[in-house]
Structure formats: structure tokens, C-alpha cells
Amino acid sequence: VRNWDRVLLSVDPLTGRDYKGGDLETFIASLVGDIDLGFAKLTSYTGYTRGNADSISDADFFAAPAVAVTRPTPGTAEPLPGLSVTDVYSEARQFSQELRLGTLDSDDRLRWAVGALYWREDYDSINSSIFISGFVRNPPLAPAGWSAARELQQRGRIAGDLNFRNTRHQSGYGMLDFRFNDQWSAAAEWRYSKEDFDYLFG
């Protein structure tokens, strides 16, 4: 039976049940504060974000077995000629801090602001995804009773590859705005930024 126009999902060969799919947990916090210094206002913006994601899913969308079978029980497997499993865990953390001093909120003809921003982000992931192709192992090349799902059962979950990306950002800025009248104004800005990266992708 041809099933090229249908999405078919296998069960997880390691559990005999549906793949767990994806889980995402996030935590976001921010703090904003102002201090009126008389000649200008000092504003602080602080932010923190943390997120964890775990995904294990059938990535080939092909569950038609080589022979007619019923749903496998735990410890058994579908006799699939190939399989692809997405198995990725990732974790990200970000912290940011900005300080701004200025009069941009005032009605003065001359308004100004200076500020600085620092943020860092650390991202790590473990990719344990696996692809097993058995189309070249079909009889007589494959052992009797071989299937991609059974081979995954024998291998178990692989350790996976570690990937990371760490970013450090520093920047500063200055702004001037002068209003001549209700129709005309002039503005000037200065900006500086620097970023450092460390990364590893396997």
C-alpha cells in the first residue's frame, strides 16, 4: 500500500509508546527603575531570561512497516526499513543591563541622552538525533528479522554531540536633539558596540 500522501508516525522503539514530543520551560524577568536627578533622569533596565527545551520525535513521518503488523508492545519494534529520530536538548540563559541618563522625556528645546548596555547569552545543546537507513540492508544483505527500529533498540540512546554559543555584548550611545521651532529640529547620534563570540558546533 502506498502512503506517500499521508503523515504516519511510529512509536518510540526505546519505550514502545508514542514519542514524548517537545517540552519547553521558560522564565522571564525584568526590572525597570527611574531616579530624577533634577538636571536629568537616570533609568535602569535589567532583564533575565532562561529557557530549556527537550524534543524527541519521529522525524521521517513514515510508519508503514515492511509487512503487516499490529501496534508493537513495549520491548518490541516495528519492522521499519529505516527511521529518523530528532533528539535535541537545549538550554539558553540571557542577562542584560542598560543604564540611560538624559532629558529625552522633557519639553526642553535641547534634549540629550547617554547610555550603556551590556548583555550576555549562553546557549548549550546536546544533539542525540539519529538516522538509520536499512534500504541497503534488506534481504539478502540484512540479517533475518532485521529492522531499523530493532537496531535502535540494540544501540540505545546515543550520547549526542555538545554544541554551545556564548555571546558577550557591550555598547554605548549618545544623542542630542535640538528643536528650533514646531516645524524644524536637528538630531545627532553616536553609537559604539562590541561583541565577542565563543561557539562550538559538532
N, C-alpha and C. Protein backbone atom coordinates (compact mmCIF):
# COMPACT_ATOMS: atom_id res chain seq x y z
N VAL A 1 0.84 -1.18 0.00
CA VAL A 1 0.00 0.00 0.00
C VAL A 1 0.89 1.24 0.00
N ARG A 2 0.59 2.18 -0.89
CA ARG A 2 1.38 3.39 -0.96
C ARG A 2 0.78 4.43 -0.02
N ASN A 3 1.68 5.09 0.75
CA ASN A 3 1.21 6.07 1.72
C ASN A 3 1.98 7.38 1.56
N TRP A 4 2.36 7.71 0.31
CA TRP A 4 3.20 8.89 0.13
C TRP A 4 2.43 10.18 0.45
N ASP A 5 1.11 10.16 0.42
CA ASP A 5 0.32 11.35 0.67
C ASP A 5 -0.18 11.43 2.11
N ARG A 6 0.34 10.58 3.00
CA ARG A 6 -0.11 10.57 4.38
C ARG A 6 1.08 10.73 5.32
N VAL A 7 0.84 11.39 6.45
CA VAL A 7 1.84 11.50 7.51
C VAL A 7 1.59 10.39 8.50
N LEU A 8 2.58 9.50 8.66
CA LEU A 8 2.44 8.35 9.55
C LEU A 8 3.55 8.40 10.59
N LEU A 9 3.20 8.26 11.86
CA LEU A 9 4.17 8.37 12.93
C LEU A 9 4.37 7.02 13.61
N SER A 10 5.62 6.68 13.84
CA SER A 10 5.96 5.44 14.54
C SER A 10 5.87 5.66 16.05
N VAL A 11 5.94 4.57 16.79
CA VAL A 11 6.12 4.66 18.22
C VAL A 11 7.61 4.65 18.51
N ASP A 12 7.99 5.09 19.68
CA ASP A 12 9.39 5.14 20.08
C ASP A 12 9.89 3.71 20.32
N PRO A 13 10.87 3.23 19.55
CA PRO A 13 11.36 1.87 19.75
C PRO A 13 11.94 1.63 21.14
N LEU A 14 12.38 2.70 21.81
CA LEU A 14 13.00 2.54 23.13
C LEU A 14 11.98 2.42 24.25
N THR A 15 10.73 2.81 23.98
CA THR A 15 9.70 2.75 25.02
C THR A 15 8.48 1.95 24.60
N GLY A 16 8.29 1.78 23.29
CA GLY A 16 7.08 1.11 22.81
C GLY A 16 5.85 1.99 22.89
N ARG A 17 6.04 3.25 23.19
CA ARG A 17 4.93 4.21 23.30
C ARG A 17 5.16 5.37 22.34
N ASP A 18 4.18 6.28 22.28
CA ASP A 18 4.35 7.47 21.44
C ASP A 18 5.59 8.24 21.87
N TYR A 19 6.25 8.87 20.89
CA TYR A 19 7.37 9.75 21.23
C TYR A 19 6.89 10.86 22.17
N LYS A 20 7.75 11.30 23.07
CA LYS A 20 7.36 12.28 24.07
C LYS A 20 7.09 13.65 23.46
N GLY A 21 7.61 13.92 22.26
CA GLY A 21 7.39 15.23 21.65
C GLY A 21 8.30 16.27 22.26
N GLY A 22 7.80 17.48 22.41
CA GLY A 22 8.63 18.57 22.90
C GLY A 22 8.13 19.17 24.19
N ASP A 23 9.08 19.56 25.05
CA ASP A 23 8.79 20.28 26.29
C ASP A 23 9.60 21.57 26.29
N LEU A 24 8.96 22.66 26.68
CA LEU A 24 9.63 23.96 26.74
C LEU A 24 9.30 24.63 28.06
N GLU A 25 10.33 25.03 28.79
CA GLU A 25 10.17 25.75 30.04
C GLU A 25 10.92 27.08 29.94
N THR A 26 10.24 28.17 30.26
CA THR A 26 10.86 29.49 30.17
C THR A 26 10.62 30.28 31.46
N PHE A 27 11.56 31.14 31.75
CA PHE A 27 11.44 32.08 32.87
C PHE A 27 11.94 33.43 32.38
N ILE A 28 11.11 34.46 32.51
CA ILE A 28 11.45 35.81 32.04
C ILE A 28 11.18 36.80 33.17
N ALA A 29 12.17 37.63 33.45
CA ALA A 29 12.02 38.64 34.50
C ALA A 29 12.64 39.94 34.03
N SER A 30 12.04 41.05 34.43
CA SER A 30 12.58 42.37 34.08
C SER A 30 12.34 43.34 35.22
N LEU A 31 13.23 44.32 35.32
CA LEU A 31 13.14 45.35 36.36
C LEU A 31 13.51 46.69 35.74
N VAL A 32 12.61 47.66 35.84
CA VAL A 32 12.84 49.00 35.29
C VAL A 32 12.69 50.01 36.42
N GLY A 33 13.67 50.89 36.55
CA GLY A 33 13.62 51.90 37.62
C GLY A 33 14.11 53.25 37.13
N ASP A 34 13.54 54.34 37.69
CA ASP A 34 13.92 55.71 37.35
C ASP A 34 14.34 56.46 38.60
N ILE A 35 15.30 57.35 38.44
CA ILE A 35 15.70 58.28 39.50
C ILE A 35 15.79 59.67 38.90
N ASP A 36 15.04 60.62 39.44
CA ASP A 36 15.06 62.01 38.97
C ASP A 36 16.19 62.74 39.69
N LEU A 37 17.20 63.12 38.92
CA LEU A 37 18.36 63.81 39.49
C LEU A 37 18.24 65.33 39.37
N GLY A 38 17.11 65.81 38.90
CA GLY A 38 16.94 67.24 38.75
C GLY A 38 17.32 67.70 37.35
N PHE A 39 18.60 67.63 37.04
CA PHE A 39 19.07 68.06 35.72
C PHE A 39 18.81 66.99 34.64
N ALA A 40 18.54 65.75 35.06
CA ALA A 40 18.31 64.65 34.11
C ALA A 40 17.68 63.47 34.87
N LYS A 41 17.27 62.50 34.11
CA LYS A 41 16.69 61.29 34.71
C LYS A 41 17.60 60.10 34.41
N LEU A 42 17.86 59.32 35.45
CA LEU A 42 18.66 58.11 35.31
C LEU A 42 17.70 56.91 35.29
N THR A 43 17.78 56.10 34.25
CA THR A 43 16.89 54.96 34.09
C THR A 43 17.72 53.67 33.98
N SER A 44 17.24 52.64 34.66
CA SER A 44 17.90 51.34 34.63
C SER A 44 16.94 50.30 34.08
N TYR A 45 17.44 49.49 33.13
CA TYR A 45 16.67 48.39 32.56
C TYR A 45 17.46 47.10 32.81
N THR A 46 16.87 46.19 33.54
CA THR A 46 17.52 44.90 33.84
C THR A 46 16.60 43.77 33.38
N GLY A 47 17.19 42.79 32.71
CA GLY A 47 16.39 41.67 32.22
C GLY A 47 17.12 40.35 32.37
N TYR A 48 16.35 39.31 32.61
CA TYR A 48 16.93 37.95 32.71
C TYR A 48 15.95 36.97 32.08
N THR A 49 16.48 36.08 31.25
CA THR A 49 15.67 35.06 30.58
C THR A 49 16.38 33.72 30.65
N ARG A 50 15.61 32.68 30.94
CA ARG A 50 16.17 31.32 30.93
C ARG A 50 15.15 30.41 30.24
N GLY A 51 15.65 29.52 29.42
CA GLY A 51 14.76 28.59 28.72
C GLY A 51 15.41 27.24 28.53
N ASN A 52 14.61 26.18 28.72
CA ASN A 52 15.06 24.80 28.49
C ASN A 52 14.09 24.14 27.52
N ALA A 53 14.62 23.46 26.54
CA ALA A 53 13.78 22.77 25.56
C ALA A 53 14.29 21.35 25.35
N ASP A 54 13.36 20.40 25.32
CA ASP A 54 13.70 19.00 25.12
C ASP A 54 12.73 18.42 24.09
N SER A 55 13.27 17.85 23.02
CA SER A 55 12.41 17.35 21.95
C SER A 55 12.90 15.99 21.48
N ILE A 56 12.01 15.00 21.51
CA ILE A 56 12.27 13.67 20.96
C ILE A 56 11.06 13.32 20.11
N SER A 57 11.27 13.18 18.81
CA SER A 57 10.13 12.95 17.92
C SER A 57 10.54 12.16 16.69
N ASP A 58 9.55 11.56 16.07
CA ASP A 58 9.72 10.86 14.80
C ASP A 58 9.90 11.90 13.71
N ALA A 59 11.04 11.84 12.99
CA ALA A 59 11.35 12.88 12.01
C ALA A 59 11.16 12.42 10.57
N ASP A 60 10.83 11.14 10.35
CA ASP A 60 10.69 10.69 8.96
C ASP A 60 9.25 10.60 8.50
N PHE A 61 8.30 10.62 9.46
CA PHE A 61 6.87 10.58 9.15
C PHE A 61 6.49 9.37 8.29
N PHE A 62 7.22 8.27 8.49
CA PHE A 62 6.95 7.05 7.72
C PHE A 62 6.83 5.90 8.69
N ALA A 63 5.63 5.32 8.79
CA ALA A 63 5.42 4.25 9.74
C ALA A 63 4.85 3.01 9.09
N ALA A 64 4.79 2.99 7.76
CA ALA A 64 4.27 1.81 7.08
C ALA A 64 5.31 0.70 7.17
N PRO A 65 5.03 -0.39 7.84
CA PRO A 65 6.02 -1.46 8.02
C PRO A 65 6.24 -2.26 6.75
N ALA A 66 7.31 -3.02 6.76
CA ALA A 66 7.62 -3.86 5.60
C ALA A 66 6.59 -4.96 5.45
N VAL A 67 6.01 -5.41 6.55
CA VAL A 67 4.94 -6.41 6.50
C VAL A 67 3.83 -5.95 7.42
N ALA A 68 2.64 -6.51 7.28
CA ALA A 68 1.51 -6.11 8.12
C ALA A 68 1.78 -6.53 9.57
N VAL A 69 1.69 -5.56 10.47
CA VAL A 69 1.90 -5.84 11.89
C VAL A 69 0.85 -5.08 12.69
N THR A 70 0.66 -5.49 13.92
CA THR A 70 -0.18 -4.73 14.84
C THR A 70 0.71 -3.80 15.65
N ARG A 71 0.09 -2.92 16.41
CA ARG A 71 0.86 -1.98 17.22
C ARG A 71 1.79 -2.74 18.15
N PRO A 72 3.09 -2.43 18.13
CA PRO A 72 4.04 -3.18 18.95
C PRO A 72 3.85 -2.91 20.44
N THR A 73 4.10 -3.91 21.22
CA THR A 73 4.06 -3.76 22.66
C THR A 73 5.43 -3.33 23.16
N PRO A 74 5.54 -2.78 24.38
CA PRO A 74 6.85 -2.39 24.90
C PRO A 74 7.84 -3.54 24.81
N GLY A 75 9.02 -3.23 24.26
CA GLY A 75 10.05 -4.25 24.10
C GLY A 75 10.08 -4.83 22.70
N THR A 76 9.08 -4.51 21.89
CA THR A 76 9.07 -4.96 20.50
C THR A 76 9.23 -3.74 19.61
N ALA A 77 9.28 -3.96 18.30
CA ALA A 77 9.53 -2.84 17.39
C ALA A 77 8.87 -3.09 16.06
N GLU A 78 8.57 -2.00 15.36
CA GLU A 78 8.06 -2.11 14.01
C GLU A 78 9.19 -2.53 13.07
N PRO A 79 8.90 -3.38 12.09
CA PRO A 79 9.96 -3.78 11.14
C PRO A 79 10.16 -2.74 10.07
N LEU A 80 10.60 -1.55 10.47
CA LEU A 80 10.77 -0.46 9.52
C LEU A 80 12.07 -0.60 8.75
N PRO A 81 12.07 -0.25 7.44
CA PRO A 81 13.30 -0.31 6.67
C PRO A 81 14.23 0.87 6.94
N GLY A 82 13.80 1.85 7.70
CA GLY A 82 14.63 3.00 8.03
C GLY A 82 13.89 3.87 9.02
N LEU A 83 14.62 4.70 9.73
CA LEU A 83 13.99 5.64 10.66
C LEU A 83 14.89 6.84 10.88
N SER A 84 14.28 7.94 11.30
CA SER A 84 14.98 9.16 11.65
C SER A 84 14.34 9.74 12.90
N VAL A 85 15.15 9.96 13.92
CA VAL A 85 14.65 10.45 15.20
C VAL A 85 15.34 11.77 15.54
N THR A 86 14.54 12.78 15.83
CA THR A 86 15.06 14.06 16.31
C THR A 86 15.11 14.01 17.83
N ASP A 87 16.30 14.21 18.38
CA ASP A 87 16.50 14.12 19.82
C ASP A 87 17.46 15.24 20.22
N VAL A 88 16.92 16.35 20.67
CA VAL A 88 17.73 17.54 20.97
C VAL A 88 17.31 18.14 22.30
N TYR A 89 18.30 18.41 23.15
CA TYR A 89 18.07 19.14 24.40
C TYR A 89 18.86 20.45 24.32
N SER A 90 18.24 21.56 24.67
CA SER A 90 18.94 22.85 24.61
C SER A 90 18.59 23.69 25.84
N GLU A 91 19.51 24.56 26.18
CA GLU A 91 19.34 25.44 27.33
C GLU A 91 19.94 26.80 26.98
N ALA A 92 19.20 27.87 27.25
CA ALA A 92 19.66 29.22 26.95
C ALA A 92 19.44 30.12 28.16
N ARG A 93 20.41 30.99 28.41
CA ARG A 93 20.33 31.95 29.51
C ARG A 93 20.81 33.31 28.99
N GLN A 94 20.09 34.36 29.34
CA GLN A 94 20.48 35.70 28.89
C GLN A 94 20.27 36.71 30.02
N PHE A 95 21.26 37.58 30.20
CA PHE A 95 21.17 38.66 31.18
C PHE A 95 21.51 39.96 30.47
N SER A 96 20.76 41.02 30.75
CA SER A 96 21.03 42.32 30.12
C SER A 96 20.88 43.44 31.15
N GLN A 97 21.70 44.46 30.97
CA GLN A 97 21.64 45.63 31.85
C GLN A 97 21.93 46.88 31.02
N GLU A 98 21.01 47.83 31.08
CA GLU A 98 21.19 49.11 30.39
C GLU A 98 20.98 50.24 31.37
N LEU A 99 21.85 51.26 31.29
CA LEU A 99 21.73 52.49 32.07
C LEU A 99 21.63 53.67 31.11
N ARG A 100 20.67 54.55 31.36
CA ARG A 100 20.49 55.71 30.49
C ARG A 100 20.34 56.96 31.35
N LEU A 101 21.06 58.01 30.98
CA LEU A 101 20.98 59.30 31.65
C LEU A 101 20.63 60.35 30.61
N GLY A 102 19.58 61.13 30.85
CA GLY A 102 19.24 62.13 29.85
C GLY A 102 17.95 62.86 30.14
N THR A 103 17.56 63.67 29.15
CA THR A 103 16.37 64.52 29.27
C THR A 103 15.42 64.31 28.10
N LEU A 104 15.43 63.12 27.52
CA LEU A 104 14.61 62.87 26.34
C LEU A 104 13.12 63.00 26.62
N ASP A 105 12.70 62.83 27.86
CA ASP A 105 11.27 62.91 28.19
C ASP A 105 10.83 64.34 28.50
N SER A 106 11.74 65.28 28.47
CA SER A 106 11.40 66.65 28.83
C SER A 106 10.89 67.42 27.62
N ASP A 107 10.40 68.65 27.88
CA ASP A 107 9.95 69.54 26.81
C ASP A 107 10.99 70.60 26.46
N ASP A 108 12.22 70.42 26.92
CA ASP A 108 13.28 71.39 26.64
C ASP A 108 13.58 71.44 25.15
N ARG A 109 14.05 72.57 24.70
CA ARG A 109 14.43 72.68 23.28
C ARG A 109 15.64 71.81 22.99
N LEU A 110 16.55 71.72 23.95
CA LEU A 110 17.71 70.86 23.81
C LEU A 110 17.53 69.64 24.70
N ARG A 111 17.46 68.49 24.09
CA ARG A 111 17.33 67.23 24.83
C ARG A 111 18.52 66.34 24.50
N TRP A 112 18.91 65.54 25.47
CA TRP A 112 20.10 64.72 25.29
C TRP A 112 19.98 63.43 26.09
N ALA A 113 20.84 62.49 25.76
CA ALA A 113 20.89 61.22 26.50
C ALA A 113 22.21 60.53 26.22
N VAL A 114 22.73 59.87 27.24
CA VAL A 114 23.89 58.98 27.09
C VAL A 114 23.53 57.67 27.78
N GLY A 115 24.07 56.58 27.28
CA GLY A 115 23.73 55.30 27.88
C GLY A 115 24.73 54.22 27.54
N ALA A 116 24.61 53.12 28.25
CA ALA A 116 25.48 51.97 28.03
C ALA A 116 24.65 50.70 28.23
N LEU A 117 24.99 49.70 27.45
CA LEU A 117 24.27 48.42 27.50
C LEU A 117 25.27 47.27 27.56
N TYR A 118 24.96 46.32 28.42
CA TYR A 118 25.73 45.08 28.48
C TYR A 118 24.76 43.91 28.50
N TRP A 119 25.02 42.89 27.68
CA TRP A 119 24.23 41.66 27.80
C TRP A 119 25.10 40.47 27.45
N ARG A 120 24.72 39.34 28.01
CA ARG A 120 25.43 38.09 27.76
C ARG A 120 24.40 36.99 27.53
N GLU A 121 24.73 36.08 26.66
CA GLU A 121 23.85 34.96 26.36
C GLU A 121 24.70 33.68 26.27
N ASP A 122 24.25 32.65 26.96
CA ASP A 122 24.92 31.35 26.94
C ASP A 122 23.91 30.31 26.44
N TYR A 123 24.25 29.66 25.36
CA TYR A 123 23.37 28.66 24.77
C TYR A 123 24.13 27.34 24.65
N ASP A 124 23.52 26.26 25.15
CA ASP A 124 24.11 24.93 25.08
C ASP A 124 23.06 23.96 24.55
N SER A 125 23.51 22.98 23.80
CA SER A 125 22.58 21.95 23.33
C SER A 125 23.32 20.63 23.17
N ILE A 126 22.57 19.55 23.30
CA ILE A 126 23.08 18.20 23.05
C ILE A 126 22.19 17.57 21.98
N ASN A 127 22.80 17.25 20.87
CA ASN A 127 22.06 16.69 19.74
C ASN A 127 22.31 15.18 19.68
N SER A 128 21.29 14.41 20.06
CA SER A 128 21.38 12.95 20.04
C SER A 128 20.52 12.36 18.92
N SER A 129 20.23 13.17 17.91
CA SER A 129 19.42 12.69 16.79
C SER A 129 20.15 11.56 16.06
N ILE A 130 19.36 10.68 15.46
CA ILE A 130 19.96 9.52 14.78
C ILE A 130 19.16 9.19 13.53
N PHE A 131 19.87 8.74 12.53
CA PHE A 131 19.25 8.30 11.27
C PHE A 131 19.79 6.92 10.93
N ILE A 132 18.91 5.97 10.73
CA ILE A 132 19.29 4.61 10.36
C ILE A 132 18.58 4.26 9.07
N SER A 133 19.35 3.98 8.03
CA SER A 133 18.78 3.60 6.74
C SER A 133 19.04 2.12 6.50
N GLY A 134 17.96 1.39 6.28
CA GLY A 134 18.12 -0.04 6.06
C GLY A 134 17.79 -0.48 4.65
N PHE A 135 17.62 0.49 3.76
CA PHE A 135 17.22 0.11 2.41
C PHE A 135 18.30 -0.70 1.70
N VAL A 136 19.57 -0.53 2.11
CA VAL A 136 20.63 -1.34 1.52
C VAL A 136 20.87 -2.60 2.34
N ARG A 137 20.11 -2.77 3.44
CA ARG A 137 20.31 -3.95 4.29
C ARG A 137 19.16 -4.94 4.15
N ASN A 138 18.23 -4.66 3.26
CA ASN A 138 17.14 -5.59 3.08
C ASN A 138 17.67 -6.93 2.58
N PRO A 139 16.96 -8.02 2.84
CA PRO A 139 17.42 -9.33 2.41
C PRO A 139 17.79 -9.30 0.92
N PRO A 140 18.90 -9.95 0.54
CA PRO A 140 19.70 -10.85 1.40
C PRO A 140 20.83 -10.16 2.16
N LEU A 141 20.90 -8.79 2.13
CA LEU A 141 22.01 -8.11 2.79
C LEU A 141 21.81 -7.98 4.29
N ALA A 142 20.56 -7.91 4.72
CA ALA A 142 20.28 -7.74 6.14
C ALA A 142 20.03 -9.09 6.80
N PRO A 143 20.38 -9.22 8.07
CA PRO A 143 20.08 -10.46 8.79
C PRO A 143 18.58 -10.69 8.86
N ALA A 144 18.19 -11.90 9.03
CA ALA A 144 16.78 -12.23 9.14
C ALA A 144 16.17 -11.50 10.35
N GLY A 145 15.03 -10.90 10.14
CA GLY A 145 14.35 -10.20 11.22
C GLY A 145 14.88 -8.82 11.52
N TRP A 146 15.85 -8.34 10.69
CA TRP A 146 16.42 -7.01 10.95
C TRP A 146 15.39 -5.93 10.69
N SER A 147 15.43 -4.86 11.49
CA SER A 147 14.66 -3.65 11.22
C SER A 147 15.41 -2.48 11.84
N ALA A 148 15.16 -1.29 11.30
CA ALA A 148 15.83 -0.11 11.83
C ALA A 148 15.45 0.13 13.29
N ALA A 149 14.19 -0.12 13.62
CA ALA A 149 13.75 0.08 14.99
C ALA A 149 14.46 -0.88 15.95
N ARG A 150 14.63 -2.13 15.52
CA ARG A 150 15.33 -3.09 16.39
C ARG A 150 16.80 -2.69 16.56
N GLU A 151 17.40 -2.16 15.50
CA GLU A 151 18.79 -1.74 15.63
C GLU A 151 18.91 -0.58 16.63
N LEU A 152 17.94 0.33 16.62
CA LEU A 152 17.96 1.42 17.59
C LEU A 152 17.79 0.89 19.00
N GLN A 153 16.96 -0.14 19.17
CA GLN A 153 16.81 -0.75 20.49
C GLN A 153 18.15 -1.31 20.98
N GLN A 154 18.90 -1.92 20.07
CA GLN A 154 20.19 -2.51 20.46
C GLN A 154 21.21 -1.42 20.79
N ARG A 155 21.18 -0.34 20.03
CA ARG A 155 22.13 0.75 20.27
C ARG A 155 21.78 1.53 21.53
N GLY A 156 20.48 1.75 21.74
CA GLY A 156 20.05 2.62 22.82
C GLY A 156 20.23 4.08 22.45
N ARG A 157 19.89 4.94 23.34
CA ARG A 157 20.02 6.38 23.09
C ARG A 157 21.49 6.76 23.06
N ILE A 158 21.91 7.43 21.99
CA ILE A 158 23.32 7.78 21.86
C ILE A 158 23.64 8.99 22.74
N ALA A 159 24.93 9.14 23.04
CA ALA A 159 25.34 10.21 23.95
C ALA A 159 25.09 11.59 23.35
N GLY A 160 25.27 11.74 22.05
CA GLY A 160 24.99 13.02 21.41
C GLY A 160 26.21 13.93 21.34
N ASP A 161 26.08 14.99 20.55
CA ASP A 161 27.14 15.98 20.35
C ASP A 161 26.81 17.24 21.13
N LEU A 162 27.82 17.78 21.81
CA LEU A 162 27.65 19.02 22.56
C LEU A 162 27.89 20.21 21.64
N ASN A 163 26.98 21.16 21.66
CA ASN A 163 27.13 22.42 20.94
C ASN A 163 26.92 23.57 21.91
N PHE A 164 27.65 24.67 21.70
CA PHE A 164 27.41 25.83 22.53
C PHE A 164 27.73 27.11 21.76
N ARG A 165 27.10 28.19 22.20
CA ARG A 165 27.35 29.52 21.64
C ARG A 165 27.23 30.53 22.76
N ASN A 166 28.33 31.20 23.09
CA ASN A 166 28.36 32.18 24.16
C ASN A 166 28.64 33.56 23.56
N THR A 167 27.82 34.54 23.90
CA THR A 167 27.94 35.88 23.33
C THR A 167 28.06 36.90 24.45
N ARG A 168 28.96 37.86 24.27
CA ARG A 168 29.13 38.98 25.21
C ARG A 168 29.03 40.27 24.41
N HIS A 169 28.12 41.15 24.83
CA HIS A 169 27.86 42.39 24.09
C HIS A 169 28.09 43.59 25.00
N GLN A 170 28.78 44.61 24.46
CA GLN A 170 28.97 45.88 25.15
C GLN A 170 28.72 47.00 24.14
N SER A 171 27.96 48.00 24.54
CA SER A 171 27.69 49.11 23.64
C SER A 171 27.43 50.37 24.43
N GLY A 172 27.62 51.50 23.76
CA GLY A 172 27.35 52.81 24.35
C GLY A 172 26.77 53.73 23.29
N TYR A 173 26.11 54.79 23.72
CA TYR A 173 25.50 55.70 22.76
C TYR A 173 25.32 57.08 23.39
N GLY A 174 25.19 58.07 22.52
CA GLY A 174 24.90 59.43 22.93
C GLY A 174 23.98 60.07 21.91
N MET A 175 23.06 60.90 22.36
CA MET A 175 22.08 61.53 21.46
C MET A 175 21.86 62.98 21.85
N LEU A 176 21.73 63.85 20.82
CA LEU A 176 21.40 65.25 21.01
C LEU A 176 20.23 65.58 20.08
N ASP A 177 19.27 66.33 20.60
CA ASP A 177 18.13 66.74 19.80
C ASP A 177 17.82 68.21 20.12
N PHE A 178 17.85 69.07 19.10
CA PHE A 178 17.57 70.49 19.31
C PHE A 178 16.37 70.89 18.45
N ARG A 179 15.37 71.48 19.09
CA ARG A 179 14.17 71.90 18.39
C ARG A 179 14.23 73.40 18.15
N PHE A 180 14.29 73.80 16.86
CA PHE A 180 14.32 75.22 16.50
C PHE A 180 12.93 75.85 16.68
N ASN A 181 11.92 75.13 16.21
CA ASN A 181 10.54 75.58 16.34
C ASN A 181 9.64 74.35 16.20
N ASP A 182 8.35 74.58 16.01
CA ASP A 182 7.43 73.44 15.92
C ASP A 182 7.60 72.65 14.63
N GLN A 183 8.28 73.21 13.64
CA GLN A 183 8.43 72.52 12.36
C GLN A 183 9.84 71.97 12.14
N TRP A 184 10.84 72.55 12.80
CA TRP A 184 12.22 72.18 12.50
C TRP A 184 12.96 71.74 13.76
N SER A 185 13.74 70.68 13.58
CA SER A 185 14.61 70.20 14.66
C SER A 185 15.81 69.50 14.03
N ALA A 186 16.85 69.36 14.80
CA ALA A 186 18.07 68.68 14.34
C ALA A 186 18.49 67.67 15.40
N ALA A 187 19.00 66.54 14.96
CA ALA A 187 19.41 65.49 15.89
C ALA A 187 20.73 64.89 15.45
N ALA A 188 21.49 64.43 16.42
CA ALA A 188 22.77 63.76 16.16
C ALA A 188 22.89 62.60 17.14
N GLU A 189 23.50 61.51 16.65
CA GLU A 189 23.68 60.31 17.49
C GLU A 189 25.09 59.76 17.32
N TRP A 190 25.55 59.14 18.39
CA TRP A 190 26.83 58.43 18.37
C TRP A 190 26.60 57.07 18.99
N ARG A 191 27.12 56.03 18.36
CA ARG A 191 26.93 54.68 18.87
C ARG A 191 28.23 53.87 18.73
N TYR A 192 28.42 52.99 19.69
CA TYR A 192 29.58 52.08 19.68
C TYR A 192 29.11 50.72 20.18
N SER A 193 29.58 49.66 19.56
CA SER A 193 29.21 48.32 20.01
C SER A 193 30.36 47.35 19.78
N LYS A 194 30.41 46.35 20.63
CA LYS A 194 31.42 45.31 20.53
C LYS A 194 30.80 44.00 21.00
N GLU A 195 31.05 42.92 20.27
CA GLU A 195 30.54 41.61 20.65
C GLU A 195 31.65 40.57 20.52
N ASP A 196 31.71 39.69 21.50
CA ASP A 196 32.65 38.57 21.48
C ASP A 196 31.86 37.26 21.45
N PHE A 197 32.33 36.31 20.64
CA PHE A 197 31.63 35.03 20.49
C PHE A 197 32.58 33.88 20.78
N ASP A 198 32.04 32.88 21.46
CA ASP A 198 32.69 31.57 21.58
C ASP A 198 31.65 30.55 21.17
N TYR A 199 31.99 29.67 20.25
CA TYR A 199 31.00 28.71 19.81
C TYR A 199 31.65 27.40 19.38
N LEU A 200 30.87 26.35 19.49
CA LEU A 200 31.27 25.02 19.07
C LEU A 200 30.05 24.31 18.51
N PHE A 201 30.14 23.85 17.29
CA PHE A 201 29.06 23.10 16.66
C PHE A 201 29.64 21.82 16.09
N GLY A 202 29.14 20.68 16.61
CA GLY A 202 29.64 19.39 16.17
C GLY A 202 28.78 18.80 15.08
